Amino acid sequence: MLLEAEKIGRERGALFVTLSTMDWEALPFYQKLGYSIEFTREGYEKSSRMFMLRKDL
């Protein structure tokens, strides 16, 4: 589904895609698909972190 969304974005002229995930979710999955960490937000319960990711199309 994510690859299809990227394809549609390219077809519509998008230059990049962004998404967010928590440290206990899917960070390695997104990194394997070419996403890189653009911003990290800390201060969540149990010292969790949120990552804003970006991938150039």
PDB file of N, CA and C in Angstrom:
ATOM      1  N   MET A   1       0.823  -1.178   0.000  1.00  0.00           N
ATOM      2  CA  MET A   1       0.000   0.000   0.000  1.00  0.00           C
ATOM      3  C   MET A   1       0.878   1.257   0.000  1.00  0.00           C
ATOM      4  N   LEU A   2       1.925   1.224   0.795  1.00  0.00           N
ATOM      5  CA  LEU A   2       2.807   2.393   0.866  1.00  0.00           C
ATOM      6  C   LEU A   2       3.487   2.656  -0.475  1.00  0.00           C
ATOM      7  N   LEU A   3       3.946   1.607  -1.129  1.00  0.00           N
ATOM      8  CA  LEU A   3       4.592   1.769  -2.434  1.00  0.00           C
ATOM      9  C   LEU A   3       3.618   2.323  -3.470  1.00  0.00           C
ATOM     10  N   GLU A   4       2.371   1.927  -3.376  1.00  0.00           N
ATOM     11  CA  GLU A   4       1.350   2.453  -4.289  1.00  0.00           C
ATOM     12  C   GLU A   4       1.116   3.942  -4.016  1.00  0.00           C
ATOM     13  N   ALA A   5       1.099   4.335  -2.758  1.00  0.00           N
ATOM     14  CA  ALA A   5       0.938   5.752  -2.408  1.00  0.00           C
ATOM     15  C   ALA A   5       2.112   6.567  -2.947  1.00  0.00           C
ATOM     16  N   GLU A   6       3.337   6.014  -2.853  1.00  0.00           N
ATOM     17  CA  GLU A   6       4.500   6.705  -3.402  1.00  0.00           C
ATOM     18  C   GLU A   6       4.372   6.851  -4.917  1.00  0.00           C
ATOM     19  N   LYS A   7       3.908   5.810  -5.578  1.00  0.00           N
ATOM     20  CA  LYS A   7       3.720   5.841  -7.038  1.00  0.00           C
ATOM     21  C   LYS A   7       2.728   6.940  -7.429  1.00  0.00           C
ATOM     22  N   ILE A   8       1.624   7.003  -6.729  1.00  0.00           N
ATOM     23  CA  ILE A   8       0.614   8.039  -7.008  1.00  0.00           C
ATOM     24  C   ILE A   8       1.208   9.428  -6.774  1.00  0.00           C
ATOM     25  N   GLY A   9       1.985   9.564  -5.710  1.00  0.00           N
ATOM     26  CA  GLY A   9       2.637  10.840  -5.437  1.00  0.00           C
ATOM     27  C   GLY A   9       3.547  11.272  -6.571  1.00  0.00           C
ATOM     28  N   ARG A  10       4.350  10.344  -7.070  1.00  0.00           N
ATOM     29  CA  ARG A  10       5.232  10.649  -8.204  1.00  0.00           C
ATOM     30  C   ARG A  10       4.422  11.089  -9.420  1.00  0.00           C
ATOM     31  N   GLU A  11       3.357  10.335  -9.707  1.00  0.00           N
ATOM     32  CA  GLU A  11       2.509  10.650 -10.865  1.00  0.00           C
ATOM     33  C   GLU A  11       1.893  12.038 -10.756  1.00  0.00           C
ATOM     34  N   ARG A  12       1.669  12.493  -9.539  1.00  0.00           N
ATOM     35  CA  ARG A  12       1.048  13.808  -9.324  1.00  0.00           C
ATOM     36  C   ARG A  12       2.069  14.914  -9.088  1.00  0.00           C
ATOM     37  N   GLY A  13       3.345  14.577  -9.239  1.00  0.00           N
ATOM     38  CA  GLY A  13       4.386  15.593  -9.143  1.00  0.00           C
ATOM     39  C   GLY A  13       4.939  15.856  -7.761  1.00  0.00           C
ATOM     40  N   ALA A  14       4.655  15.003  -6.798  1.00  0.00           N
ATOM     41  CA  ALA A  14       5.210  15.197  -5.454  1.00  0.00           C
ATOM     42  C   ALA A  14       6.721  14.987  -5.482  1.00  0.00           C
ATOM     43  N   LEU A  15       7.434  15.780  -4.727  1.00  0.00           N
ATOM     44  CA  LEU A  15       8.887  15.678  -4.672  1.00  0.00           C
ATOM     45  C   LEU A  15       9.374  14.776  -3.544  1.00  0.00           C
ATOM     46  N   PHE A  16       8.555  14.652  -2.507  1.00  0.00           N
ATOM     47  CA  PHE A  16       8.933  13.815  -1.371  1.00  0.00           C
ATOM     48  C   PHE A  16       7.682  13.384  -0.623  1.00  0.00           C
ATOM     49  N   VAL A  17       7.863  12.429   0.288  1.00  0.00           N
ATOM     50  CA  VAL A  17       6.779  11.959   1.145  1.00  0.00           C
ATOM     51  C   VAL A  17       7.280  11.983   2.584  1.00  0.00           C
ATOM     52  N   THR A  18       6.388  12.299   3.521  1.00  0.00           N
ATOM     53  CA  THR A  18       6.742  12.284   4.937  1.00  0.00           C
ATOM     54  C   THR A  18       5.764  11.403   5.698  1.00  0.00           C
ATOM     55  N   LEU A  19       6.239  10.889   6.822  1.00  0.00           N
ATOM     56  CA  LEU A  19       5.381  10.125   7.717  1.00  0.00           C
ATOM     57  C   LEU A  19       5.991  10.155   9.104  1.00  0.00           C
ATOM     58  N   SER A  20       5.241   9.695  10.078  1.00  0.00           N
ATOM     59  CA  SER A  20       5.758   9.635  11.445  1.00  0.00           C
ATOM     60  C   SER A  20       5.523   8.259  12.025  1.00  0.00           C
ATOM     61  N   THR A  21       6.401   7.890  12.941  1.00  0.00           N
ATOM     62  CA  THR A  21       6.276   6.618  13.646  1.00  0.00           C
ATOM     63  C   THR A  21       6.918   6.773  15.021  1.00  0.00           C
ATOM     64  N   MET A  22       6.509   5.951  15.944  1.00  0.00           N
ATOM     65  CA  MET A  22       7.092   5.959  17.281  1.00  0.00           C
ATOM     66  C   MET A  22       8.228   4.938  17.341  1.00  0.00           C
ATOM     67  N   ASP A  23       9.092   5.078  18.343  1.00  0.00           N
ATOM     68  CA  ASP A  23      10.233   4.174  18.446  1.00  0.00           C
ATOM     69  C   ASP A  23       9.817   2.719  18.682  1.00  0.00           C
ATOM     70  N   TRP A  24       8.626   2.480  19.161  1.00  0.00           N
ATOM     71  CA  TRP A  24       8.158   1.118  19.414  1.00  0.00           C
ATOM     72  C   TRP A  24       7.305   0.587  18.264  1.00  0.00           C
ATOM     73  N   GLU A  25       7.223   1.350  17.160  1.00  0.00           N
ATOM     74  CA  GLU A  25       6.421   0.912  16.016  1.00  0.00           C
ATOM     75  C   GLU A  25       7.314   0.379  14.890  1.00  0.00           C
ATOM     76  N   ALA A  26       7.366   1.044  13.779  1.00  0.00           N
ATOM     77  CA  ALA A  26       7.900   0.465  12.551  1.00  0.00           C
ATOM     78  C   ALA A  26       9.116   1.190  11.971  1.00  0.00           C
ATOM     79  N   LEU A  27       9.945   1.812  12.784  1.00  0.00           N
ATOM     80  CA  LEU A  27      11.082   2.565  12.268  1.00  0.00           C
ATOM     81  C   LEU A  27      11.970   1.727  11.341  1.00  0.00           C
ATOM     82  N   PRO A  28      12.434   0.544  11.717  1.00  0.00           N
ATOM     83  CA  PRO A  28      13.296  -0.230  10.810  1.00  0.00           C
ATOM     84  C   PRO A  28      12.618  -0.579   9.484  1.00  0.00           C
ATOM     85  N   PHE A  29      11.325  -0.836   9.512  1.00  0.00           N
ATOM     86  CA  PHE A  29      10.576  -1.144   8.297  1.00  0.00           C
ATOM     87  C   PHE A  29      10.652   0.020   7.317  1.00  0.00           C
ATOM     88  N   TYR A  30      10.380   1.230   7.800  1.00  0.00           N
ATOM     89  CA  TYR A  30      10.410   2.404   6.931  1.00  0.00           C
ATOM     90  C   TYR A  30      11.822   2.706   6.436  1.00  0.00           C
ATOM     91  N   GLN A  31      12.818   2.512   7.293  1.00  0.00           N
ATOM     92  CA  GLN A  31      14.199   2.754   6.874  1.00  0.00           C
ATOM     93  C   GLN A  31      14.606   1.792   5.760  1.00  0.00           C
ATOM     94  N   LYS A  32      14.153   0.562   5.811  1.00  0.00           N
ATOM     95  CA  LYS A  32      14.448  -0.404   4.745  1.00  0.00           C
ATOM     96  C   LYS A  32      13.829   0.025   3.419  1.00  0.00           C
ATOM     97  N   LEU A  33      12.754   0.795   3.479  1.00  0.00           N
ATOM     98  CA  LEU A  33      12.096   1.286   2.272  1.00  0.00           C
ATOM     99  C   LEU A  33      12.676   2.616   1.782  1.00  0.00           C
ATOM    100  N   GLY A  34      13.744   3.084   2.428  1.00  0.00           N
ATOM    101  CA  GLY A  34      14.419   4.285   1.964  1.00  0.00           C
ATOM    102  C   GLY A  34      14.090   5.567   2.698  1.00  0.00           C
ATOM    103  N   TYR A  35      13.321   5.489   3.770  1.00  0.00           N
ATOM    104  CA  TYR A  35      12.989   6.681   4.547  1.00  0.00           C
ATOM    105  C   TYR A  35      14.128   7.003   5.512  1.00  0.00           C
ATOM    106  N   SER A  36      14.359   8.288   5.729  1.00  0.00           N
ATOM    107  CA  SER A  36      15.387   8.704   6.677  1.00  0.00           C
ATOM    108  C   SER A  36      14.771   9.619   7.729  1.00  0.00           C
ATOM    109  N   ILE A  37      15.381   9.623   8.897  1.00  0.00           N
ATOM    110  CA  ILE A  37      14.894  10.435  10.014  1.00  0.00           C
ATOM    111  C   ILE A  37      15.209  11.900   9.727  1.00  0.00           C
ATOM    112  N   GLU A  38      14.168  12.709   9.738  1.00  0.00           N
ATOM    113  CA  GLU A  38      14.325  14.149   9.521  1.00  0.00           C
ATOM    114  C   GLU A  38      14.246  14.916  10.845  1.00  0.00           C
ATOM    115  N   PHE A  39      13.500  14.357  11.802  1.00  0.00           N
ATOM    116  CA  PHE A  39      13.281  15.036  13.079  1.00  0.00           C
ATOM    117  C   PHE A  39      12.907  14.004  14.129  1.00  0.00           C
ATOM    118  N   THR A  40      13.399  14.185  15.343  1.00  0.00           N
ATOM    119  CA  THR A  40      13.046  13.314  16.457  1.00  0.00           C
ATOM    120  C   THR A  40      12.450  14.164  17.572  1.00  0.00           C
ATOM    121  N   ARG A  41      11.299  13.761  18.073  1.00  0.00           N
ATOM    122  CA  ARG A  41      10.660  14.467  19.185  1.00  0.00           C
ATOM    123  C   ARG A  41      10.682  13.541  20.397  1.00  0.00           C
ATOM    124  N   GLU A  42      11.198  14.054  21.494  1.00  0.00           N
ATOM    125  CA  GLU A  42      11.272  13.284  22.732  1.00  0.00           C
ATOM    126  C   GLU A  42      10.297  13.852  23.750  1.00  0.00           C
ATOM    127  N   GLY A  43      10.201  13.192  24.899  1.00  0.00           N
ATOM    128  CA  GLY A  43       9.365  13.703  25.973  1.00  0.00           C
ATOM    129  C   GLY A  43       8.056  12.963  26.155  1.00  0.00           C
ATOM    130  N   TYR A  44       7.912  11.846  25.490  1.00  0.00           N
ATOM    131  CA  TYR A  44       6.702  11.052  25.638  1.00  0.00           C
ATOM    132  C   TYR A  44       6.817  10.127  26.844  1.00  0.00           C
ATOM    133  N   GLU A  45       5.699   9.570  27.233  1.00  0.00           N
ATOM    134  CA  GLU A  45       5.654   8.641  28.352  1.00  0.00           C
ATOM    135  C   GLU A  45       6.634   7.485  28.141  1.00  0.00           C
ATOM    136  N   LYS A  46       7.271   7.046  29.205  1.00  0.00           N
ATOM    137  CA  LYS A  46       8.238   5.938  29.192  1.00  0.00           C
ATOM    138  C   LYS A  46       9.426   6.223  28.275  1.00  0.00           C
ATOM    139  N   SER A  47       9.781   7.491  28.145  1.00  0.00           N
ATOM    140  CA  SER A  47      10.923   7.933  27.331  1.00  0.00           C
ATOM    141  C   SER A  47      10.810   7.549  25.859  1.00  0.00           C
ATOM    142  N   SER A  48       9.604   7.378  25.370  1.00  0.00           N
ATOM    143  CA  SER A  48       9.403   7.066  23.951  1.00  0.00           C
ATOM    144  C   SER A  48       9.784   8.265  23.091  1.00  0.00           C
ATOM    145  N   ARG A  49      10.075   7.983  21.829  1.00  0.00           N
ATOM    146  CA  ARG A  49      10.413   9.031  20.878  1.00  0.00           C
ATOM    147  C   ARG A  49       9.564   8.876  19.619  1.00  0.00           C
ATOM    148  N   MET A  50       9.241  10.012  19.015  1.00  0.00           N
ATOM    149  CA  MET A  50       8.526  10.021  17.742  1.00  0.00           C
ATOM    150  C   MET A  50       9.505  10.464  16.670  1.00  0.00           C
ATOM    151  N   PHE A  51       9.478   9.782  15.539  1.00  0.00           N
ATOM    152  CA  PHE A  51      10.357  10.111  14.430  1.00  0.00           C
ATOM    153  C   PHE A  51       9.530  10.624  13.257  1.00  0.00           C
ATOM    154  N   MET A  52       9.947  11.749  12.702  1.00  0.00           N
ATOM    155  CA  MET A  52       9.386  12.242  11.450  1.00  0.00           C
ATOM    156  C   MET A  52      10.352  11.790  10.370  1.00  0.00           C
ATOM    157  N   LEU A  53       9.828  11.056   9.390  1.00  0.00           N
ATOM    158  CA  LEU A  53      10.651  10.475   8.335  1.00  0.00           C
ATOM    159  C   LEU A  53      10.346  11.122   6.990  1.00  0.00           C
ATOM    160  N   ARG A  54      11.329  11.047   6.090  1.00  0.00           N
ATOM    161  CA  ARG A  54      11.179  11.643   4.763  1.00  0.00           C
ATOM    162  C   ARG A  54      11.827  10.728   3.727  1.00  0.00           C
ATOM    163  N   LYS A  55      11.218  10.699   2.542  1.00  0.00           N
ATOM    164  CA  LYS A  55      11.792   9.980   1.416  1.00  0.00           C
ATOM    165  C   LYS A  55      11.577  10.829   0.170  1.00  0.00           C
ATOM    166  N   ASP A  56      12.669  11.111  -0.528  1.00  0.00           N
ATOM    167  CA  ASP A  56      12.546  11.845  -1.778  1.00  0.00           C
ATOM    168  C   ASP A  56      11.981  10.922  -2.847  1.00  0.00           C
ATOM    169  N   LEU A  57      11.087  11.468  -3.647  1.00  0.00           N
ATOM    170  CA  LEU A  57      10.505  10.698  -4.733  1.00  0.00           C
ATOM    171  C   LEU A  57      11.217  11.052  -6.011  1.00  0.00           C
TER     172      LEU A  57
END
